C-alpha cells in the first residue's frame, strides 16, 4: 500500500510543542496600522516565529516549497520601486456588526 503524502511522515506532538496561536492578530494589526497611517505595504509581513517553526515541522514540504518564514521583499519584483502599488483603505460604509471591512486596490 502506498503511503499518503498528506499524512507522511507521522509526527507526535505534546502540548508544549504547540505555539500560542493568535489567528494572525500580529499580521492583521500591522496591516491595520500601516493602513491607518497611510503607509505603503512594501515588505513581507511574517507571522510569529514560533508559529512559523511549528508550521515547518507539521508541513515540511509546504514550508520548504513556499519558503515559509524566509520570504524577503526582494523576492517579489512587483514590490520594487515603480512597480505595482497596493493600497488598502478602511471601508467606512454601513456597519456590519463587529466585522472590519477593507478595500484593496492594486495598480
N, C-alpha and C. Protein backbone atom coordinates (compact mmCIF):
# COMPACT_ATOMS: atom_id res chain seq x y z
N UNK A 1 0.84 -1.19 0.00
CA UNK A 1 0.00 0.00 0.00
C UNK A 1 0.88 1.25 0.00
N UNK A 2 0.56 2.19 -0.87
CA UNK A 2 1.33 3.43 -0.99
C UNK A 2 0.93 4.39 0.13
N UNK A 3 1.93 5.02 0.74
CA UNK A 3 1.65 5.98 1.81
C UNK A 3 1.07 7.26 1.24
N UNK A 4 0.14 7.84 1.94
CA UNK A 4 -0.48 9.11 1.53
C UNK A 4 0.46 10.25 1.93
N UNK A 5 0.96 11.05 0.96
CA UNK A 5 1.91 12.11 1.30
C UNK A 5 1.32 13.18 2.21
N UNK A 6 -0.01 13.26 2.31
CA UNK A 6 -0.62 14.25 3.20
C UNK A 6 -0.50 13.85 4.67
N UNK A 7 -0.20 12.58 4.92
CA UNK A 7 -0.09 12.13 6.31
C UNK A 7 1.28 11.54 6.63
N UNK A 8 2.23 11.70 5.74
CA UNK A 8 3.55 11.12 5.96
C UNK A 8 4.61 12.19 5.98
N UNK A 9 5.58 12.21 6.78
CA UNK A 9 5.79 11.26 7.86
C UNK A 9 4.94 11.62 9.08
N UNK A 10 4.68 10.66 9.90
CA UNK A 10 3.91 10.92 11.11
C UNK A 10 4.77 11.67 12.11
N UNK A 11 4.14 12.57 12.80
CA UNK A 11 4.84 13.28 13.88
C UNK A 11 3.99 13.15 15.13
N UNK A 12 4.62 13.24 16.25
CA UNK A 12 3.92 13.15 17.52
C UNK A 12 4.17 14.43 18.29
N UNK A 13 3.11 15.01 18.78
CA UNK A 13 3.20 16.28 19.47
C UNK A 13 2.68 16.16 20.89
N UNK A 14 3.25 16.97 21.75
CA UNK A 14 2.71 17.12 23.10
C UNK A 14 2.29 18.57 23.25
N UNK A 15 1.55 18.88 24.27
CA UNK A 15 1.00 20.23 24.45
C UNK A 15 2.08 21.30 24.38
N UNK A 16 3.25 21.03 24.90
CA UNK A 16 4.33 22.02 24.91
C UNK A 16 4.85 22.34 23.52
N UNK A 17 4.57 21.46 22.55
CA UNK A 17 5.01 21.69 21.17
C UNK A 17 4.17 22.73 20.45
N UNK A 18 2.96 22.98 20.94
CA UNK A 18 2.04 23.88 20.26
C UNK A 18 2.36 25.33 20.57
N UNK A 19 2.43 26.16 19.54
CA UNK A 19 2.64 27.59 19.77
C UNK A 19 1.35 28.23 20.26
N UNK A 20 1.46 29.45 20.67
CA UNK A 20 0.28 30.21 21.07
C UNK A 20 -0.33 30.83 19.81
N UNK A 21 -1.35 30.18 19.28
CA UNK A 21 -1.97 30.67 18.04
C UNK A 21 -2.77 31.94 18.33
N UNK A 22 -2.69 32.90 17.40
CA UNK A 22 -3.34 34.20 17.60
C UNK A 22 -4.25 34.58 16.44
N UNK A 23 -4.59 33.66 15.56
CA UNK A 23 -5.46 33.94 14.41
C UNK A 23 -4.87 34.99 13.49
N UNK A 24 -3.57 35.16 13.49
CA UNK A 24 -2.95 36.16 12.62
C UNK A 24 -3.06 37.57 13.16
N UNK A 25 -3.38 37.71 14.45
CA UNK A 25 -3.58 39.04 15.03
C UNK A 25 -2.39 39.98 14.81
N UNK A 26 -1.15 39.48 14.94
CA UNK A 26 0.03 40.33 14.76
C UNK A 26 0.09 40.89 13.35
N UNK A 27 -0.18 40.04 12.37
CA UNK A 27 -0.11 40.49 10.97
C UNK A 27 -1.27 41.42 10.65
N UNK A 28 -2.46 41.11 11.14
CA UNK A 28 -3.62 41.98 10.90
C UNK A 28 -3.39 43.34 11.54
N UNK A 29 -2.86 43.36 12.76
CA UNK A 29 -2.57 44.62 13.43
C UNK A 29 -1.56 45.45 12.64
N UNK A 30 -0.52 44.80 12.12
CA UNK A 30 0.48 45.51 11.30
C UNK A 30 -0.17 46.09 10.05
N UNK A 31 -1.01 45.31 9.38
CA UNK A 31 -1.70 45.81 8.18
C UNK A 31 -2.62 46.98 8.52
N UNK A 32 -3.37 46.86 9.62
CA UNK A 32 -4.27 47.94 10.02
C UNK A 32 -3.49 49.20 10.37
N UNK A 33 -2.38 49.04 11.08
CA UNK A 33 -1.56 50.20 11.46
C UNK A 33 -1.04 50.91 10.22
N UNK A 34 -0.49 50.15 9.28
CA UNK A 34 0.03 50.75 8.05
C UNK A 34 -1.08 51.44 7.27
N UNK A 35 -2.25 50.83 7.24
CA UNK A 35 -3.37 51.42 6.51
C UNK A 35 -3.79 52.73 7.14
N UNK A 36 -3.96 52.73 8.44
CA UNK A 36 -4.40 53.96 9.12
C UNK A 36 -3.36 55.07 9.02
N UNK A 37 -2.08 54.70 8.97
CA UNK A 37 -1.01 55.69 8.85
C UNK A 37 -0.72 56.02 7.38
N UNK A 38 -1.49 55.43 6.48
CA UNK A 38 -1.33 55.62 5.04
C UNK A 38 0.10 55.30 4.57
N UNK A 39 0.67 54.25 5.19
CA UNK A 39 1.99 53.77 4.79
C UNK A 39 1.83 52.72 3.71
N UNK A 40 2.84 52.60 2.86
CA UNK A 40 2.80 51.60 1.79
C UNK A 40 2.94 50.20 2.38
N UNK A 41 2.33 49.25 1.69
CA UNK A 41 2.54 47.84 2.01
C UNK A 41 3.69 47.39 1.12
N UNK A 42 4.90 47.62 1.61
CA UNK A 42 6.06 47.46 0.74
C UNK A 42 7.06 46.42 1.22
N UNK A 43 6.65 45.55 2.14
CA UNK A 43 7.53 44.46 2.51
C UNK A 43 6.72 43.28 3.02
N UNK A 44 7.39 42.15 3.16
CA UNK A 44 6.75 40.92 3.61
C UNK A 44 6.50 41.02 5.11
N UNK A 45 5.32 40.61 5.51
CA UNK A 45 4.99 40.57 6.94
C UNK A 45 4.92 39.10 7.34
N UNK A 46 5.76 38.72 8.28
CA UNK A 46 5.82 37.32 8.73
C UNK A 46 5.01 37.13 10.00
N UNK A 47 4.53 35.92 10.18
CA UNK A 47 3.84 35.55 11.41
C UNK A 47 4.84 35.36 12.53
N UNK A 48 4.34 35.10 13.74
CA UNK A 48 5.22 34.87 14.89
C UNK A 48 6.17 33.70 14.63
N UNK A 49 7.39 33.84 15.07
CA UNK A 49 8.43 32.85 14.82
C UNK A 49 8.04 31.45 15.30
N UNK A 50 7.41 31.35 16.48
CA UNK A 50 7.05 30.01 16.98
C UNK A 50 5.99 29.35 16.10
N UNK A 51 5.06 30.12 15.56
CA UNK A 51 4.04 29.56 14.66
C UNK A 51 4.66 29.16 13.33
N UNK A 52 5.60 29.95 12.83
CA UNK A 52 6.27 29.63 11.56
C UNK A 52 7.07 28.33 11.72
N UNK A 53 7.79 28.19 12.82
CA UNK A 53 8.57 26.96 13.06
C UNK A 53 7.65 25.75 13.19
N UNK A 54 6.52 25.92 13.88
CA UNK A 54 5.57 24.83 14.05
C UNK A 54 5.02 24.39 12.69
N UNK A 55 4.65 25.36 11.85
CA UNK A 55 4.14 25.05 10.52
C UNK A 55 5.18 24.25 9.74
N UNK A 56 6.44 24.67 9.83
CA UNK A 56 7.51 23.96 9.14
C UNK A 56 7.70 22.55 9.64
N UNK A 57 7.42 22.33 10.91
CA UNK A 57 7.54 20.98 11.48
C UNK A 57 6.38 20.09 11.03
N UNK A 58 5.17 20.64 11.01
CA UNK A 58 3.99 19.86 10.67
C UNK A 58 3.84 19.68 9.16
N UNK A 59 4.20 20.71 8.40
CA UNK A 59 4.07 20.67 6.93
C UNK A 59 5.41 20.99 6.28
N UNK A 60 6.43 20.15 6.47
CA UNK A 60 7.77 20.49 5.97
C UNK A 60 7.83 20.68 4.45
N UNK A 61 7.07 19.88 3.69
CA UNK A 61 7.13 20.00 2.24
C UNK A 61 6.57 21.35 1.79
N UNK A 62 5.46 21.76 2.38
CA UNK A 62 4.85 23.04 2.02
C UNK A 62 5.76 24.18 2.43
N UNK A 63 6.27 24.11 3.65
CA UNK A 63 7.15 25.18 4.15
C UNK A 63 8.39 25.33 3.27
N UNK A 64 8.95 24.21 2.86
CA UNK A 64 10.15 24.24 2.01
C UNK A 64 9.80 24.80 0.62
N UNK A 65 8.73 24.32 0.03
CA UNK A 65 8.35 24.74 -1.32
C UNK A 65 7.96 26.22 -1.36
N UNK A 66 7.29 26.71 -0.34
CA UNK A 66 6.80 28.09 -0.33
C UNK A 66 7.71 29.06 0.43
N UNK A 67 8.86 28.57 0.91
CA UNK A 67 9.80 29.40 1.68
C UNK A 67 9.12 30.07 2.88
N UNK A 68 8.26 29.33 3.56
CA UNK A 68 7.52 29.88 4.69
C UNK A 68 8.49 30.45 5.72
N UNK A 69 8.27 31.72 6.06
CA UNK A 69 9.10 32.39 7.06
C UNK A 69 10.42 32.91 6.53
N UNK A 70 10.74 32.62 5.27
CA UNK A 70 12.03 33.05 4.72
C UNK A 70 11.88 34.02 3.55
N UNK A 71 10.66 34.32 3.15
CA UNK A 71 10.46 35.26 2.04
C UNK A 71 10.94 36.65 2.42
N UNK A 72 11.54 37.32 1.45
CA UNK A 72 12.03 38.68 1.66
C UNK A 72 11.38 39.59 0.61
N UNK A 73 11.34 40.85 0.90
CA UNK A 73 10.76 41.82 -0.02
C UNK A 73 11.43 41.72 -1.39
N UNK A 74 12.73 41.53 -1.41
CA UNK A 74 13.46 41.49 -2.69
C UNK A 74 13.08 40.28 -3.54
N UNK A 75 12.38 39.30 -2.96
CA UNK A 75 11.94 38.13 -3.72
C UNK A 75 10.78 38.45 -4.66
N UNK A 76 10.17 39.62 -4.49
CA UNK A 76 8.97 39.96 -5.23
C UNK A 76 9.18 41.22 -6.06
N UNK A 77 9.37 41.04 -7.35
CA UNK A 77 9.65 42.16 -8.24
C UNK A 77 8.57 43.24 -8.16
N UNK A 78 7.30 42.84 -8.03
CA UNK A 78 6.24 43.84 -8.05
C UNK A 78 6.34 44.81 -6.88
N UNK A 79 7.16 44.51 -5.89
CA UNK A 79 7.31 45.42 -4.77
C UNK A 79 8.47 46.39 -4.97
N UNK A 80 9.13 46.29 -6.11
CA UNK A 80 10.23 47.21 -6.39
C UNK A 80 9.68 48.57 -6.81
N UNK A 81 10.50 49.58 -6.64
CA UNK A 81 10.13 50.96 -6.98
C UNK A 81 9.55 51.05 -8.38
N UNK A 82 8.40 51.69 -8.51
CA UNK A 82 7.78 51.91 -9.80
C UNK A 82 6.93 50.75 -10.30
N UNK A 83 6.87 49.67 -9.56
CA UNK A 83 6.03 48.53 -9.97
C UNK A 83 4.68 48.65 -9.29
N UNK A 84 3.97 47.54 -9.13
CA UNK A 84 2.62 47.58 -8.56
C UNK A 84 2.60 48.23 -7.19
N UNK A 85 1.56 49.00 -6.96
CA UNK A 85 1.34 49.63 -5.65
C UNK A 85 0.05 49.04 -5.09
N UNK A 86 0.11 48.62 -3.84
CA UNK A 86 -1.07 48.08 -3.17
C UNK A 86 -1.55 49.13 -2.18
N UNK A 87 -2.84 49.47 -2.28
CA UNK A 87 -3.44 50.43 -1.37
C UNK A 87 -4.57 49.74 -0.64
N UNK A 88 -4.60 49.88 0.67
CA UNK A 88 -5.67 49.32 1.48
C UNK A 88 -6.31 50.46 2.24
N UNK A 89 -7.62 50.55 2.14
CA UNK A 89 -8.35 51.60 2.85
C UNK A 89 -9.47 50.97 3.65
N UNK A 90 -9.71 51.51 4.82
CA UNK A 90 -10.82 51.02 5.63
C UNK A 90 -12.13 51.42 4.96
N UNK A 91 -13.04 50.47 4.83
CA UNK A 91 -14.35 50.73 4.22
C UNK A 91 -15.27 51.26 5.31
N UNK A 92 -15.65 52.51 5.17
CA UNK A 92 -16.48 53.16 6.19
C UNK A 92 -17.96 53.13 5.82
N UNK A 93 -18.35 52.18 4.99
CA UNK A 93 -19.74 52.04 4.58
C UNK A 93 -20.60 51.56 5.74
N UNK A 94 -21.85 51.18 5.45
CA UNK A 94 -22.76 50.72 6.50
C UNK A 94 -22.14 49.63 7.35
N UNK A 95 -22.32 49.74 8.65
CA UNK A 95 -21.71 48.82 9.61
C UNK A 95 -22.34 47.43 9.52
N UNK A 96 -21.50 46.42 9.63
CA UNK A 96 -21.96 45.02 9.65
C UNK A 96 -21.54 44.39 10.97
N UNK A 97 -21.98 44.95 12.07
CA UNK A 97 -21.60 44.40 13.36
C UNK A 97 -20.16 44.72 13.68
N UNK A 98 -19.44 43.75 14.22
CA UNK A 98 -18.04 43.98 14.59
C UNK A 98 -17.08 43.55 13.50
N UNK A 99 -17.58 43.27 12.30
CA UNK A 99 -16.74 42.86 11.18
C UNK A 99 -16.04 44.08 10.57
N UNK A 100 -14.70 44.01 10.49
CA UNK A 100 -13.94 45.09 9.85
C UNK A 100 -13.95 44.87 8.35
N UNK A 101 -14.04 45.95 7.60
CA UNK A 101 -14.08 45.86 6.15
C UNK A 101 -12.95 46.70 5.57
N UNK A 102 -12.33 46.18 4.52
CA UNK A 102 -11.21 46.86 3.87
C UNK A 102 -11.40 46.81 2.37
N UNK A 103 -11.01 47.88 1.70
CA UNK A 103 -10.96 47.92 0.25
C UNK A 103 -9.50 47.81 -0.15
N UNK A 104 -9.19 46.92 -1.09
CA UNK A 104 -7.81 46.72 -1.54
C UNK A 104 -7.73 47.07 -3.02
N UNK A 105 -6.77 47.91 -3.36
CA UNK A 105 -6.56 48.35 -4.74
C UNK A 105 -5.14 47.99 -5.14
N UNK A 106 -4.98 47.37 -6.30
CA UNK A 106 -3.67 47.06 -6.83
C UNK A 106 -3.56 47.70 -8.19
N UNK A 107 -2.49 48.48 -8.40
CA UNK A 107 -2.34 49.12 -9.70
C UNK A 107 -1.23 50.12 -9.72
